[in-house]
Amino acid sequence: MERAAPPEELDGHLEGVAAIMESHFRYEERQQLTVLESLDLAAESSDVLGPL
């Protein structure tokens, strides 16, 4: 038995997954920035870590 959703339904699901992933990555970035900002570096953070 072959089952396939119409392209519009698949697009909706993919957009939902993309939104969840983007939200998760933003959360992870905020968590990492908190840690990175607490580092006591002997150089400018952008020189060591690149653009944040």
PDB file of N, CA and C in Angstrom:
ATOM      1  N   MET A   1       0.842  -1.179   0.000  1.00  0.00           N
ATOM      2  CA  MET A   1       0.000   0.000   0.000  1.00  0.00           C
ATOM      3  C   MET A   1       0.888   1.243   0.000  1.00  0.00           C
ATOM      4  N   GLU A   2       0.711   2.080  -0.950  1.00  0.00           N
ATOM      5  CA  GLU A   2       1.489   3.313  -1.046  1.00  0.00           C
ATOM      6  C   GLU A   2       0.670   4.465  -0.482  1.00  0.00           C
ATOM      7  N   ARG A   3       1.319   5.259   0.381  1.00  0.00           N
ATOM      8  CA  ARG A   3       0.639   6.410   0.980  1.00  0.00           C
ATOM      9  C   ARG A   3       1.517   7.626   0.784  1.00  0.00           C
ATOM     10  N   ALA A   4       0.929   8.671   0.316  1.00  0.00           N
ATOM     11  CA  ALA A   4       1.671   9.915   0.120  1.00  0.00           C
ATOM     12  C   ALA A   4       0.762  11.093   0.440  1.00  0.00           C
ATOM     13  N   ALA A   5       1.328  12.060   1.111  1.00  0.00           N
ATOM     14  CA  ALA A   5       0.588  13.284   1.412  1.00  0.00           C
ATOM     15  C   ALA A   5       0.759  14.240   0.241  1.00  0.00           C
ATOM     16  N   PRO A   6      -0.209  15.104   0.043  1.00  0.00           N
ATOM     17  CA  PRO A   6      -0.059  16.100  -1.023  1.00  0.00           C
ATOM     18  C   PRO A   6       1.099  17.060  -0.700  1.00  0.00           C
ATOM     19  N   PRO A   7       1.704  17.639  -1.736  1.00  0.00           N
ATOM     20  CA  PRO A   7       2.849  18.544  -1.518  1.00  0.00           C
ATOM     21  C   PRO A   7       2.567  19.676  -0.529  1.00  0.00           C
ATOM     22  N   GLU A   8       1.350  20.203  -0.543  1.00  0.00           N
ATOM     23  CA  GLU A   8       1.023  21.299   0.370  1.00  0.00           C
ATOM     24  C   GLU A   8       1.107  20.841   1.827  1.00  0.00           C
ATOM     25  N   GLU A   9       0.677  19.614   2.097  1.00  0.00           N
ATOM     26  CA  GLU A   9       0.730  19.091   3.458  1.00  0.00           C
ATOM     27  C   GLU A   9       2.181  18.857   3.883  1.00  0.00           C
ATOM     28  N   LEU A  10       2.971  18.321   2.972  1.00  0.00           N
ATOM     29  CA  LEU A  10       4.384  18.105   3.272  1.00  0.00           C
ATOM     30  C   LEU A  10       5.096  19.426   3.523  1.00  0.00           C
ATOM     31  N   ASP A  11       4.792  20.436   2.712  1.00  0.00           N
ATOM     32  CA  ASP A  11       5.379  21.769   2.917  1.00  0.00           C
ATOM     33  C   ASP A  11       5.043  22.301   4.306  1.00  0.00           C
ATOM     34  N   GLY A  12       3.807  22.115   4.734  1.00  0.00           N
ATOM     35  CA  GLY A  12       3.402  22.578   6.060  1.00  0.00           C
ATOM     36  C   GLY A  12       4.183  21.894   7.159  1.00  0.00           C
ATOM     37  N   HIS A  13       4.370  20.575   7.020  1.00  0.00           N
ATOM     38  CA  HIS A  13       5.134  19.835   8.021  1.00  0.00           C
ATOM     39  C   HIS A  13       6.597  20.290   8.045  1.00  0.00           C
ATOM     40  N   LEU A  14       7.171  20.479   6.874  1.00  0.00           N
ATOM     41  CA  LEU A  14       8.570  20.917   6.813  1.00  0.00           C
ATOM     42  C   LEU A  14       8.751  22.310   7.400  1.00  0.00           C
ATOM     43  N   GLU A  15       7.799  23.187   7.151  1.00  0.00           N
ATOM     44  CA  GLU A  15       7.869  24.530   7.741  1.00  0.00           C
ATOM     45  C   GLU A  15       7.792  24.446   9.272  1.00  0.00           C
ATOM     46  N   GLY A  16       6.964  23.533   9.777  1.00  0.00           N
ATOM     47  CA  GLY A  16       6.856  23.356  11.217  1.00  0.00           C
ATOM     48  C   GLY A  16       8.162  22.853  11.818  1.00  0.00           C
ATOM     49  N   VAL A  17       8.771  21.873  11.162  1.00  0.00           N
ATOM     50  CA  VAL A  17      10.050  21.338  11.640  1.00  0.00           C
ATOM     51  C   VAL A  17      11.118  22.433  11.594  1.00  0.00           C
ATOM     52  N   ALA A  18      11.139  23.212  10.522  1.00  0.00           N
ATOM     53  CA  ALA A  18      12.122  24.292  10.394  1.00  0.00           C
ATOM     54  C   ALA A  18      11.945  25.315  11.515  1.00  0.00           C
ATOM     55  N   ALA A  19      10.710  25.645  11.854  1.00  0.00           N
ATOM     56  CA  ALA A  19      10.456  26.623  12.917  1.00  0.00           C
ATOM     57  C   ALA A  19      10.921  26.081  14.268  1.00  0.00           C
ATOM     58  N   ILE A  20      10.672  24.807  14.524  1.00  0.00           N
ATOM     59  CA  ILE A  20      11.105  24.200  15.782  1.00  0.00           C
ATOM     60  C   ILE A  20      12.628  24.183  15.863  1.00  0.00           C
ATOM     61  N   MET A  21      13.284  23.808  14.770  1.00  0.00           N
ATOM     62  CA  MET A  21      14.750  23.763  14.773  1.00  0.00           C
ATOM     63  C   MET A  21      15.337  25.147  14.974  1.00  0.00           C
ATOM     64  N   GLU A  22      14.775  26.149  14.296  1.00  0.00           N
ATOM     65  CA  GLU A  22      15.289  27.516  14.446  1.00  0.00           C
ATOM     66  C   GLU A  22      15.144  27.985  15.886  1.00  0.00           C
ATOM     67  N   SER A  23      14.004  27.700  16.502  1.00  0.00           N
ATOM     68  CA  SER A  23      13.790  28.071  17.892  1.00  0.00           C
ATOM     69  C   SER A  23      14.785  27.369  18.801  1.00  0.00           C
ATOM     70  N   HIS A  24      15.020  26.101  18.562  1.00  0.00           N
ATOM     71  CA  HIS A  24      15.963  25.337  19.377  1.00  0.00           C
ATOM     72  C   HIS A  24      17.386  25.886  19.228  1.00  0.00           C
ATOM     73  N   PHE A  25      17.795  26.172  17.990  1.00  0.00           N
ATOM     74  CA  PHE A  25      19.147  26.692  17.773  1.00  0.00           C
ATOM     75  C   PHE A  25      19.320  28.058  18.425  1.00  0.00           C
ATOM     76  N   ARG A  26      18.306  28.887  18.386  1.00  0.00           N
ATOM     77  CA  ARG A  26      18.393  30.185  19.064  1.00  0.00           C
ATOM     78  C   ARG A  26      18.563  29.993  20.568  1.00  0.00           C
ATOM     79  N   TYR A  27      17.828  29.047  21.133  1.00  0.00           N
ATOM     80  CA  TYR A  27      17.965  28.731  22.561  1.00  0.00           C
ATOM     81  C   TYR A  27      19.389  28.281  22.859  1.00  0.00           C
ATOM     82  N   GLU A  28      19.905  27.359  22.047  1.00  0.00           N
ATOM     83  CA  GLU A  28      21.266  26.853  22.260  1.00  0.00           C
ATOM     84  C   GLU A  28      22.290  27.977  22.159  1.00  0.00           C
ATOM     85  N   GLU A  29      22.116  28.878  21.201  1.00  0.00           N
ATOM     86  CA  GLU A  29      23.044  29.999  21.049  1.00  0.00           C
ATOM     87  C   GLU A  29      23.020  30.885  22.288  1.00  0.00           C
ATOM     88  N   ARG A  30      21.833  31.152  22.822  1.00  0.00           N
ATOM     89  CA  ARG A  30      21.739  31.976  24.035  1.00  0.00           C
ATOM     90  C   ARG A  30      22.449  31.286  25.200  1.00  0.00           C
ATOM     91  N   GLN A  31      22.267  29.981  25.315  1.00  0.00           N
ATOM     92  CA  GLN A  31      22.919  29.240  26.398  1.00  0.00           C
ATOM     93  C   GLN A  31      24.439  29.306  26.245  1.00  0.00           C
ATOM     94  N   GLN A  32      24.927  29.131  25.050  1.00  0.00           N
ATOM     95  CA  GLN A  32      26.371  29.141  24.820  1.00  0.00           C
ATOM     96  C   GLN A  32      26.953  30.532  24.999  1.00  0.00           C
ATOM     97  N   LEU A  33      26.231  31.552  24.564  1.00  0.00           N
ATOM     98  CA  LEU A  33      26.731  32.914  24.733  1.00  0.00           C
ATOM     99  C   LEU A  33      26.881  33.266  26.203  1.00  0.00           C
ATOM    100  N   THR A  34      25.976  32.787  27.036  1.00  0.00           N
ATOM    101  CA  THR A  34      26.079  33.038  28.476  1.00  0.00           C
ATOM    102  C   THR A  34      27.400  32.495  29.010  1.00  0.00           C
ATOM    103  N   VAL A  35      27.755  31.302  28.595  1.00  0.00           N
ATOM    104  CA  VAL A  35      29.016  30.694  29.033  1.00  0.00           C
ATOM    105  C   VAL A  35      30.199  31.433  28.426  1.00  0.00           C
ATOM    106  N   LEU A  36      30.145  31.702  27.130  1.00  0.00           N
ATOM    107  CA  LEU A  36      31.266  32.361  26.453  1.00  0.00           C
ATOM    108  C   LEU A  36      31.525  33.759  27.008  1.00  0.00           C
ATOM    109  N   GLU A  37      30.450  34.470  27.358  1.00  0.00           N
ATOM    110  CA  GLU A  37      30.617  35.816  27.898  1.00  0.00           C
ATOM    111  C   GLU A  37      31.254  35.800  29.280  1.00  0.00           C
ATOM    112  N   SER A  38      31.188  34.681  29.970  1.00  0.00           N
ATOM    113  CA  SER A  38      31.771  34.603  31.308  1.00  0.00           C
ATOM    114  C   SER A  38      33.259  34.240  31.280  1.00  0.00           C
ATOM    115  N   LEU A  39      33.793  33.902  30.112  1.00  0.00           N
ATOM    116  CA  LEU A  39      35.212  33.540  30.015  1.00  0.00           C
ATOM    117  C   LEU A  39      36.092  34.760  30.242  1.00  0.00           C
ATOM    118  N   ASP A  40      37.184  34.568  30.924  1.00  0.00           N
ATOM    119  CA  ASP A  40      38.151  35.636  31.154  1.00  0.00           C
ATOM    120  C   ASP A  40      39.283  35.456  30.137  1.00  0.00           C
ATOM    121  N   LEU A  41      39.132  36.074  28.994  1.00  0.00           N
ATOM    122  CA  LEU A  41      40.094  35.911  27.905  1.00  0.00           C
ATOM    123  C   LEU A  41      41.150  37.005  27.951  1.00  0.00           C
ATOM    124  N   ALA A  42      42.352  36.651  27.533  1.00  0.00           N
ATOM    125  CA  ALA A  42      43.433  37.631  27.473  1.00  0.00           C
ATOM    126  C   ALA A  42      43.367  38.427  26.169  1.00  0.00           C
ATOM    127  N   ALA A  43      42.433  38.098  25.307  1.00  0.00           N
ATOM    128  CA  ALA A  43      42.265  38.789  24.021  1.00  0.00           C
ATOM    129  C   ALA A  43      40.793  39.131  23.859  1.00  0.00           C
ATOM    130  N   GLU A  44      40.502  39.917  22.852  1.00  0.00           N
ATOM    131  CA  GLU A  44      39.107  40.230  22.546  1.00  0.00           C
ATOM    132  C   GLU A  44      38.398  38.948  22.127  1.00  0.00           C
ATOM    133  N   SER A  45      37.176  38.756  22.607  1.00  0.00           N
ATOM    134  CA  SER A  45      36.456  37.516  22.294  1.00  0.00           C
ATOM    135  C   SER A  45      36.269  37.327  20.792  1.00  0.00           C
ATOM    136  N   SER A  46      36.055  38.417  20.058  1.00  0.00           N
ATOM    137  CA  SER A  46      35.887  38.281  18.605  1.00  0.00           C
ATOM    138  C   SER A  46      37.168  37.825  17.919  1.00  0.00           C
ATOM    139  N   ASP A  47      38.327  38.174  18.486  1.00  0.00           N
ATOM    140  CA  ASP A  47      39.606  37.705  17.921  1.00  0.00           C
ATOM    141  C   ASP A  47      39.795  36.209  18.174  1.00  0.00           C
ATOM    142  N   VAL A  48      39.312  35.740  19.302  1.00  0.00           N
ATOM    143  CA  VAL A  48      39.484  34.337  19.677  1.00  0.00           C
ATOM    144  C   VAL A  48      38.382  33.458  19.085  1.00  0.00           C
ATOM    145  N   LEU A  49      37.147  33.917  19.176  1.00  0.00           N
ATOM    146  CA  LEU A  49      35.989  33.103  18.825  1.00  0.00           C
ATOM    147  C   LEU A  49      35.352  33.451  17.486  1.00  0.00           C
ATOM    148  N   GLY A  50      35.764  34.543  16.892  1.00  0.00           N
ATOM    149  CA  GLY A  50      35.113  34.995  15.662  1.00  0.00           C
ATOM    150  C   GLY A  50      33.852  35.772  16.009  1.00  0.00           C
ATOM    151  N   PRO A  51      33.092  36.163  14.991  1.00  0.00           N
ATOM    152  CA  PRO A  51      31.881  36.958  15.262  1.00  0.00           C
ATOM    153  C   PRO A  51      30.838  36.125  15.983  1.00  0.00           C
ATOM    154  N   LEU A  52      30.260  36.683  17.025  1.00  0.00           N
ATOM    155  CA  LEU A  52      29.217  35.985  17.779  1.00  0.00           C
ATOM    156  C   LEU A  52      27.870  36.599  17.494  1.00  0.00           C
TER     157      LEU A  52
END
